[in-house]
Amino acid sequence: MSTTFEVKITHQITREQVGNLLSSAFEGGSNYWYRIEDFHAPSTYQFNYGADLRKEAGYFKQIDYPLNPDGYLIISDYHGADKGEMKKRTLSYRSIKRGLRLMSESKEYAHHWHDFITENDDQITADVFLQFCLFGDVVYG
């Protein structure tokens, strides 16, 4: 008989919360390994980071595109790679959902998930999240 209980809890995560993580990753947390190669605009917007969809506004492409269905970014990881060796990966709504799930299930990086859901996250948390989205694990740092 086990001496522990396993309990799964559901969290409602907003696109704004994810947008904050992406902003932290792109503005510093992941700058040592990523390069955005291409932007693909969504056909319609359900979310606009920091703006009201009812009003005309600009978009933060690196945040808004992947947080809307059929929008995405192509990102390469250049850390320690020659230009021809850089792998290109897609950051999309689907990969973000996968990153959230993997980060929430990770025992090794549980403290980052805790920091995220308690709004105590930082650029390191954001970097870990972006890596989960793109690689399915943490490969740098």
Protein backbone atom coordinates (compact mmCIF):
# COMPACT_ATOMS: atom_id res chain seq x y z
CA MET A 1 0.00 0.00 0.00
CA SER A 2 1.33 3.43 -0.98
CA THR A 3 1.92 6.05 1.66
CA THR A 4 1.09 8.95 -0.67
CA PHE A 5 -1.92 10.23 -2.56
CA GLU A 6 -1.81 11.55 -6.09
CA VAL A 7 -4.22 14.42 -6.69
CA LYS A 8 -4.75 16.20 -10.00
CA ILE A 9 -6.03 19.76 -9.92
CA THR A 10 -7.47 21.74 -12.80
CA HIS A 11 -6.33 25.34 -13.30
CA GLN A 12 -7.94 27.90 -15.56
CA ILE A 13 -5.11 29.70 -17.36
CA THR A 14 -5.94 32.84 -19.34
CA ARG A 15 -4.34 33.85 -22.61
CA GLU A 16 -3.20 37.00 -20.85
CA GLN A 17 -1.26 34.93 -18.31
CA VAL A 18 0.37 33.00 -21.15
CA GLY A 19 1.01 36.27 -22.98
CA ASN A 20 2.87 37.53 -19.91
CA LEU A 21 5.07 34.43 -19.95
CA LEU A 22 5.77 34.79 -23.67
CA SER A 23 6.61 38.45 -23.19
CA SER A 24 9.11 37.57 -20.44
CA ALA A 25 10.65 34.82 -22.56
CA PHE A 26 10.99 36.96 -25.67
CA GLU A 27 12.21 40.06 -23.84
CA GLY A 28 15.00 38.37 -21.96
CA GLY A 29 14.44 34.92 -20.53
CA SER A 30 15.16 32.99 -23.72
CA ASN A 31 17.27 35.50 -25.66
CA TYR A 32 20.33 33.29 -25.32
CA TRP A 33 18.95 30.51 -27.54
CA TYR A 34 16.01 31.55 -29.75
CA ARG A 35 15.52 33.48 -32.96
CA ILE A 36 12.12 34.20 -34.53
CA GLU A 37 12.44 33.28 -38.19
CA ASP A 38 8.92 33.94 -39.45
CA PHE A 39 5.51 35.24 -38.36
CA HIS A 40 2.23 33.79 -39.61
CA ALA A 41 -0.79 36.00 -38.87
CA PRO A 42 -4.05 34.36 -37.79
CA SER A 43 -7.04 34.73 -40.10
CA THR A 44 -9.14 36.07 -37.21
CA TYR A 45 -8.28 37.36 -33.76
CA GLN A 46 -9.88 36.07 -30.58
CA PHE A 47 -7.19 37.62 -28.41
CA ASN A 48 -5.08 40.77 -28.54
CA TYR A 49 -2.46 41.09 -25.79
CA GLY A 50 -3.04 44.29 -23.89
CA ALA A 51 -5.83 45.61 -26.12
CA ASP A 52 -9.58 45.48 -26.48
CA LEU A 53 -10.66 43.52 -29.57
CA ARG A 54 -13.56 45.92 -30.05
CA LYS A 55 -11.14 48.76 -30.74
CA GLU A 56 -8.66 49.12 -33.55
CA ALA A 57 -5.21 48.44 -32.16
CA GLY A 58 -1.85 47.10 -33.10
CA TYR A 59 -0.70 43.59 -32.35
CA PHE A 60 2.29 42.16 -30.56
CA LYS A 61 3.03 39.62 -33.27
CA GLN A 62 5.28 37.41 -31.17
CA ILE A 63 2.52 37.08 -28.54
CA ASP A 64 -0.77 37.55 -30.40
CA TYR A 65 -0.09 35.34 -33.40
CA PRO A 66 0.48 32.06 -31.51
CA LEU A 67 -2.32 32.81 -29.01
CA ASN A 68 -4.91 32.86 -31.80
CA PRO A 69 -6.07 29.85 -33.80
CA ASP A 70 -4.04 29.34 -37.02
CA GLY A 71 -1.47 32.00 -36.13
CA TYR A 72 2.06 30.91 -35.32
CA LEU A 73 5.76 31.73 -35.18
CA ILE A 74 8.66 29.80 -36.64
CA ILE A 75 11.47 29.80 -34.08
CA SER A 76 14.98 28.41 -34.42
CA ASP A 77 17.31 27.48 -31.60
CA TYR A 78 20.73 28.87 -32.41
CA HIS A 79 22.46 28.21 -29.08
CA GLY A 80 25.71 26.43 -29.93
CA ALA A 81 24.60 25.66 -33.51
CA ASP A 82 25.98 26.62 -36.88
CA LYS A 83 23.50 28.41 -39.13
CA GLY A 84 22.84 25.24 -41.16
CA GLU A 85 22.24 23.20 -38.01
CA MET A 86 19.51 25.35 -36.47
CA LYS A 87 16.23 23.48 -36.13
CA LYS A 88 13.05 25.38 -36.82
CA ARG A 89 10.04 24.77 -34.59
CA THR A 90 6.51 26.12 -34.58
CA LEU A 91 5.06 28.06 -31.67
CA SER A 92 1.29 27.85 -32.05
CA TYR A 93 -1.84 27.67 -29.93
CA ARG A 94 -1.47 23.88 -29.98
CA SER A 95 2.19 23.88 -28.88
CA ILE A 96 1.34 26.38 -26.13
CA LYS A 97 -1.36 24.05 -24.79
CA ARG A 98 1.16 21.20 -24.87
CA GLY A 99 3.77 23.36 -23.08
CA LEU A 100 1.33 24.24 -20.33
CA ARG A 101 0.40 20.60 -19.84
CA LEU A 102 4.01 19.39 -19.79
CA MET A 103 5.14 22.13 -17.44
CA SER A 104 2.23 21.41 -15.06
CA GLU A 105 3.07 17.68 -15.03
CA SER A 106 6.83 18.04 -14.62
CA LYS A 107 8.18 16.94 -11.26
CA GLU A 108 11.65 18.34 -11.95
CA TYR A 109 10.30 21.82 -12.83
CA ALA A 110 7.28 21.85 -10.48
CA HIS A 111 8.61 24.96 -8.74
CA HIS A 112 8.32 26.90 -12.01
CA TRP A 113 4.72 25.78 -12.44
CA HIS A 114 4.01 26.82 -8.85
CA ASP A 115 5.63 30.20 -9.46
CA PHE A 116 3.52 30.66 -12.59
CA ILE A 117 0.15 29.85 -11.03
CA THR A 118 0.92 31.93 -7.93
CA GLU A 119 1.94 34.89 -10.12
CA ASN A 120 5.51 34.75 -8.84
CA ASP A 121 7.04 33.85 -12.20
CA ASP A 122 10.11 35.48 -13.71
CA GLN A 123 12.20 35.27 -16.89
CA ILE A 124 13.56 31.85 -15.89
CA THR A 125 10.01 30.52 -15.50
CA ALA A 126 9.16 32.01 -18.91
CA ASP A 127 12.22 30.40 -20.50
CA VAL A 128 11.29 27.00 -19.07
CA PHE A 129 7.75 27.44 -20.42
CA LEU A 130 8.91 28.36 -23.94
CA GLN A 131 11.22 25.35 -23.99
CA PHE A 132 8.36 23.05 -22.96
CA CYS A 133 6.27 24.52 -25.79
CA LEU A 134 8.92 24.04 -28.45
CA PHE A 135 11.00 21.05 -27.33
CA GLY A 136 8.66 19.18 -25.00
CA ASP A 137 11.32 19.46 -22.28
CA VAL A 138 13.95 21.83 -20.92
CA VAL A 139 17.09 21.51 -23.00
CA TYR A 140 18.91 24.77 -22.12
CA GLY A 141 19.79 25.90 -18.62
